[in-house]
Amino acid sequence: MKKIKSRQRTHEENFQAFVGIVRRLRKECPWDREQTHESIRHSLIEETYEAIESIDEHRFDELQCELGDILLHIVLHSVMAEEEQQFTIDDVIESITEKMIRRHPHVFGNVEVSGTNDILRNWEQIKLTEGRRSVLDGVPKNMPALMRAHRIQEKASKVGFDWNNKKDVWKKVEEEMNELMHAERSKKPKHIQEEFGDILFSLVNYARFIGVNSEFALKAATDKFTKRFNKIEEELKRRNKKIGSVPLDELDAIWNQHKKSVRRGKG
C-alpha cells in the first residue's frame, strides 16, 4: 500500500497551532495559569539578553531557541490580555503591521529619500504624528543606563541637535572631568555623583561619534577583566595559594603575564 505523505503545515497554521498550545497551557497547567504580566516581566528581559548573547557569540542554533522563548512570551502576554478582553495576538500583529507600513512611506508610499539619514529623520517626524509629545519619547527609563544614553543622544541627533565633530565632543569630556575634580573638593556626594554622571554621558556621546556602542564596549571590557581575573585564580590554585592572602604585586605579575600571552596569541 502506497504511503500518503502528510501535508506540510503553512507558516500561518504553525503559528496558530502554537497559539493554541499557549491557550491550553493557560487552562490546564497550574503554573501557567497563575502567571500575570507582572510575574513574568523579568523573564522577558532575561530571554532577550540570552538572545543577544547568542548573537554576540555567533551561536545561531542557540539563537533559534532563544527567539522561540521570546515568541513564547509575546504570545503568552497576548493570551493573558485576551482573557481580560484587552487585546489579542491578532491585534498585536495588526498594529505592528500598520506601524511598519506607516513608518516606511519610502517603501509603501510615494516619499523619496536620498539615504539612511532621510529615513531616520522621517521616522522621528512620523512618531510625533502618532501622539508622542517629544522626540525623546519611547526610550524606556529602565533600559541599561549606557544604552539609554546612547539612544537618547541618537534621537536628538536625528533632528539636528548634535555636535559638529568629535573634537568638540572630547573637549566636553575633558570639561566634565575637570568639573568632577572640582566637585570632589566640595565633598558633596550628590554633586560628585552628578558630575560623574555627566562624564559618563559625555563618554557615551564620544563613543557614538567614533562608531562604538558604549554598552557593548563596557560588556566586552568586563568580560575581558573577568577572564583575566579567572586566570589569576587558576594560577594561584596551581601554586596552592588563596587569593585573599597573596600580595598585590604577585597578582599584578600573574595578570601581566596573562596579558602578554594573549598578545602572543596563546590565551
Protein backbone atom coordinates (compact mmCIF):
# COMPACT_ATOMS: atom_id res chain seq x y z
CA MET A 1 0.00 0.00 0.00
CA LYS A 2 1.40 3.39 -1.00
CA LYS A 3 2.19 5.65 1.94
CA ILE A 4 0.48 9.04 1.72
CA LYS A 5 2.69 11.94 2.68
CA SER A 6 1.17 14.31 5.19
CA ARG A 7 0.76 17.88 4.01
CA GLN A 8 3.24 20.33 5.42
CA ARG A 9 1.65 22.98 7.57
CA THR A 10 1.88 26.58 6.42
CA HIS A 11 3.56 29.28 8.50
CA GLU A 12 0.12 30.56 9.50
CA GLU A 13 -1.01 27.08 10.57
CA ASN A 14 2.19 26.59 12.59
CA PHE A 15 1.68 29.90 14.33
CA GLN A 16 -1.99 29.27 15.12
CA ALA A 17 -1.09 25.81 16.46
CA PHE A 18 1.48 27.42 18.76
CA VAL A 19 -1.03 30.00 20.00
CA GLY A 20 -3.39 27.11 20.69
CA ILE A 21 -0.74 25.39 22.81
CA VAL A 22 -0.27 28.52 24.92
CA ARG A 23 -4.02 28.91 25.38
CA ARG A 24 -4.22 25.29 26.52
CA LEU A 25 -1.35 25.78 28.96
CA ARG A 26 -3.21 28.72 30.50
CA LYS A 27 -6.20 26.46 31.11
CA GLU A 28 -4.58 23.16 32.10
CA CYS A 29 -1.19 23.94 33.64
CA PRO A 30 -1.39 25.29 37.22
CA TRP A 31 1.88 27.22 36.91
CA ASP A 32 0.99 28.88 33.60
CA ARG A 33 -2.49 29.67 34.87
CA GLU A 34 -1.08 31.53 37.88
CA GLN A 35 1.15 33.84 35.86
CA THR A 36 0.44 37.54 35.27
CA HIS A 37 2.06 40.22 33.14
CA GLU A 38 3.96 41.36 36.23
CA SER A 39 5.08 37.92 37.41
CA ILE A 40 6.91 37.08 34.17
CA ARG A 41 8.10 40.53 33.10
CA HIS A 42 11.66 39.82 34.30
CA SER A 43 11.77 36.63 32.23
CA LEU A 44 11.11 38.57 29.03
CA ILE A 45 14.17 40.71 29.77
CA GLU A 46 16.23 37.63 30.61
CA GLU A 47 15.26 35.83 27.39
CA THR A 48 16.13 38.93 25.37
CA TYR A 49 19.60 39.10 26.90
CA GLU A 50 20.11 35.40 26.21
CA ALA A 51 19.24 36.02 22.56
CA ILE A 52 21.72 38.90 22.43
CA GLU A 53 24.41 36.67 23.95
CA SER A 54 23.77 34.07 21.26
CA ILE A 55 24.22 36.74 18.59
CA ASP A 56 27.44 38.03 20.19
CA GLU A 57 28.87 34.50 20.32
CA HIS A 58 27.58 33.56 16.83
CA ARG A 59 25.72 30.54 18.24
CA PHE A 60 22.85 30.58 15.78
CA ASP A 61 21.37 27.22 16.83
CA GLU A 62 21.09 28.74 20.28
CA LEU A 63 19.66 31.95 18.81
CA GLN A 64 16.88 29.93 17.19
CA CYS A 65 15.90 28.56 20.60
CA GLU A 66 16.13 31.95 22.32
CA LEU A 67 13.94 33.60 19.68
CA GLY A 68 11.41 30.85 20.32
CA ASP A 69 11.47 31.71 24.03
CA ILE A 70 10.86 35.38 23.22
CA LEU A 71 8.00 34.40 20.93
CA LEU A 72 6.52 32.36 23.77
CA HIS A 73 6.46 35.45 25.99
CA ILE A 74 4.89 37.57 23.26
CA VAL A 75 2.11 35.04 22.76
CA LEU A 76 1.70 34.40 26.49
CA HIS A 77 1.28 38.10 27.28
CA SER A 78 -1.18 38.38 24.38
CA VAL A 79 -3.22 35.38 25.56
CA MET A 80 -3.37 36.79 29.09
CA ALA A 81 -4.61 40.10 27.66
CA GLU A 82 -7.14 38.22 25.54
CA GLU A 83 -8.52 36.56 28.68
CA GLU A 84 -9.11 40.01 30.16
CA GLN A 85 -10.62 41.22 26.86
CA GLN A 86 -7.87 43.84 26.50
CA PHE A 87 -6.36 42.78 23.14
CA THR A 88 -5.47 39.65 21.18
CA ILE A 89 -2.41 38.34 19.35
CA ASP A 90 -4.15 39.33 16.11
CA ASP A 91 -4.37 42.90 17.42
CA VAL A 92 -0.64 42.82 18.19
CA ILE A 93 0.22 41.67 14.67
CA GLU A 94 -2.18 44.12 13.05
CA SER A 95 -0.82 47.09 15.00
CA ILE A 96 2.84 46.35 14.20
CA THR A 97 1.95 45.74 10.54
CA GLU A 98 0.21 49.10 10.30
CA LYS A 99 3.11 50.79 12.09
CA MET A 100 5.73 49.37 9.73
CA ILE A 101 3.75 50.49 6.67
CA ARG A 102 3.11 53.94 8.16
CA ARG A 103 6.75 54.48 9.12
CA HIS A 104 8.13 53.38 5.74
CA PRO A 105 6.45 55.76 3.28
CA HIS A 106 9.54 55.49 1.06
CA VAL A 107 8.69 51.79 0.60
CA PHE A 108 4.90 51.67 0.78
CA GLY A 109 4.16 55.25 -0.33
CA ASN A 110 5.47 57.95 -2.63
CA VAL A 111 8.04 59.59 -0.37
CA GLU A 112 11.52 59.88 -1.88
CA VAL A 113 14.66 59.66 0.25
CA SER A 114 18.33 60.15 -0.57
CA GLY A 115 19.66 57.76 2.07
CA THR A 116 19.53 56.44 5.60
CA ASN A 117 19.69 59.88 7.24
CA ASP A 118 16.49 60.96 5.47
CA ILE A 119 14.80 57.73 6.53
CA LEU A 120 15.76 58.25 10.19
CA ARG A 121 14.60 61.88 10.20
CA ASN A 122 11.28 60.89 8.62
CA TRP A 123 10.92 58.09 11.18
CA GLU A 124 11.16 60.53 14.09
CA GLN A 125 8.78 63.02 12.49
CA ILE A 126 6.21 60.27 11.85
CA LYS A 127 6.43 59.23 15.51
CA LEU A 128 5.44 62.75 16.55
CA THR A 129 2.25 62.43 14.48
CA GLU A 130 1.40 59.27 16.43
CA GLY A 131 0.75 61.11 19.68
CA ARG A 132 4.25 61.42 21.12
CA ARG A 133 4.96 64.77 22.72
CA SER A 134 8.75 64.63 22.44
CA VAL A 135 11.31 63.26 20.01
CA LEU A 136 12.89 61.60 23.05
CA ASP A 137 9.76 59.65 23.95
CA GLY A 138 9.85 55.89 23.52
CA VAL A 139 13.15 55.17 25.28
CA PRO A 140 12.30 53.09 28.38
CA LYS A 141 13.57 54.51 31.66
CA ASN A 142 14.56 51.04 32.88
CA MET A 143 16.90 50.36 29.96
CA PRO A 144 20.55 49.83 30.90
CA ALA A 145 21.89 53.33 31.56
CA LEU A 146 24.61 53.38 28.88
CA MET A 147 22.25 52.01 26.26
CA ARG A 148 19.56 54.54 27.21
CA ALA A 149 22.05 57.43 27.00
CA HIS A 150 23.11 56.23 23.53
CA ARG A 151 19.51 56.03 22.28
CA ILE A 152 18.58 59.44 23.74
CA GLN A 153 21.59 61.01 22.02
CA GLU A 154 20.75 59.27 18.74
CA LYS A 155 17.20 60.59 18.82
CA ALA A 156 18.36 64.15 19.49
CA SER A 157 20.91 63.84 16.71
CA LYS A 158 18.26 62.80 14.15
CA VAL A 159 16.59 66.19 14.45
CA GLY A 160 19.87 68.13 14.25
CA PHE A 161 20.69 68.59 17.95
CA ASP A 162 24.25 67.28 17.96
CA TRP A 163 27.90 68.23 17.94
CA ASN A 164 29.59 69.00 14.63
CA ASN A 165 32.71 66.90 15.19
CA LYS A 166 34.29 64.52 17.67
CA LYS A 167 36.95 67.05 18.76
CA ASP A 168 34.27 69.22 20.31
CA VAL A 169 32.77 66.17 21.99
CA TRP A 170 36.13 65.26 23.53
CA LYS A 171 36.55 68.84 24.80
CA LYS A 172 33.23 68.34 26.58
CA VAL A 173 34.56 65.12 28.15
CA GLU A 174 37.63 66.99 29.44
CA GLU A 175 35.43 69.82 30.73
CA GLU A 176 33.26 67.35 32.66
CA MET A 177 36.36 65.64 34.13
CA ASN A 178 37.59 68.98 35.44
CA GLU A 179 34.17 69.64 36.95
CA LEU A 180 34.28 66.26 38.68
CA MET A 181 37.64 67.06 40.28
CA HIS A 182 36.20 70.38 41.47
CA ALA A 183 33.13 68.55 42.85
CA GLU A 184 35.35 66.12 44.76
CA ARG A 185 36.92 69.04 46.59
CA SER A 186 33.44 70.12 47.69
CA LYS A 187 32.93 66.69 49.30
CA LYS A 188 29.23 66.79 48.46
CA PRO A 189 28.15 63.25 47.44
CA LYS A 190 25.20 64.34 45.29
CA HIS A 191 27.34 66.89 43.44
CA ILE A 192 30.08 64.32 42.86
CA GLN A 193 27.58 61.77 41.56
CA GLU A 194 26.03 64.32 39.21
CA GLU A 195 29.39 65.31 37.72
CA PHE A 196 30.46 61.68 37.36
CA GLY A 197 27.20 61.01 35.53
CA ASP A 198 27.96 63.93 33.19
CA ILE A 199 31.33 62.34 32.36
CA LEU A 200 29.69 59.03 31.51
CA PHE A 201 27.09 60.77 29.35
CA SER A 202 29.83 62.67 27.51
CA LEU A 203 31.86 59.49 27.00
CA VAL A 204 28.79 57.77 25.54
CA ASN A 205 28.50 60.71 23.16
CA TYR A 206 32.16 60.42 22.12
CA ALA A 207 31.80 56.68 21.65
CA ARG A 208 28.84 57.31 19.37
CA PHE A 209 30.96 59.68 17.26
CA ILE A 210 33.67 57.07 16.77
CA GLY A 211 31.18 54.30 15.98
CA VAL A 212 31.31 52.48 19.32
CA ASN A 213 28.32 51.27 21.31
CA SER A 214 29.17 52.05 24.95
CA GLU A 215 27.01 49.27 26.36
CA PHE A 216 28.70 46.60 24.26
CA ALA A 217 32.15 48.11 24.79
CA LEU A 218 31.78 48.02 28.58
CA LYS A 219 30.40 44.50 28.42
CA ALA A 220 33.45 43.38 26.40
CA ALA A 221 35.81 45.12 28.83
CA THR A 222 34.09 43.49 31.82
CA ASP A 223 34.24 40.08 30.14
CA LYS A 224 37.95 40.62 29.44
CA PHE A 225 38.60 41.58 33.08
CA THR A 226 36.66 38.53 34.29
CA LYS A 227 38.63 36.19 32.04
CA ARG A 228 41.98 37.61 33.19
CA PHE A 229 40.96 37.54 36.85
CA ASN A 230 39.93 33.89 36.44
CA LYS A 231 43.42 33.20 35.11
CA ILE A 232 44.87 34.68 38.30
CA GLU A 233 42.65 32.36 40.35
CA GLU A 234 43.68 29.36 38.26
CA GLU A 235 47.37 30.16 38.62
CA LEU A 236 47.08 30.67 42.39
CA LYS A 237 45.26 27.37 42.69
CA ARG A 238 48.11 25.72 40.81
CA ARG A 239 50.52 27.28 43.34
CA ASN A 240 48.31 26.13 46.26
CA LYS A 241 47.67 29.71 47.35
CA LYS A 242 44.48 31.53 48.34
CA ILE A 243 43.74 34.77 46.53
CA GLY A 244 42.96 36.73 49.69
CA SER A 245 46.39 36.05 51.15
CA VAL A 246 48.53 36.94 48.11
CA PRO A 247 50.18 40.40 47.87
CA LEU A 248 49.10 42.75 45.10
CA ASP A 249 52.47 42.71 43.31
CA GLU A 250 52.22 38.94 42.81
CA LEU A 251 48.64 39.29 41.50
CA ASP A 252 49.80 42.02 39.11
CA ALA A 253 52.66 39.82 37.88
CA ILE A 254 50.25 36.99 37.00
CA TRP A 255 47.85 39.49 35.40
CA ASN A 256 50.60 40.98 33.20
CA GLN A 257 51.92 37.53 32.30
CA HIS A 258 48.46 36.56 31.05
CA LYS A 259 48.17 39.84 29.08
CA LYS A 260 51.46 39.06 27.33
CA SER A 261 50.35 35.53 26.48
CA VAL A 262 47.10 36.86 25.00
CA ARG A 263 49.03 39.32 22.82
CA ARG A 264 51.21 36.44 21.61
CA GLY A 265 48.06 34.54 20.76
CA LYS A 266 48.44 31.90 23.47
CA GLY A 267 45.46 32.70 25.69
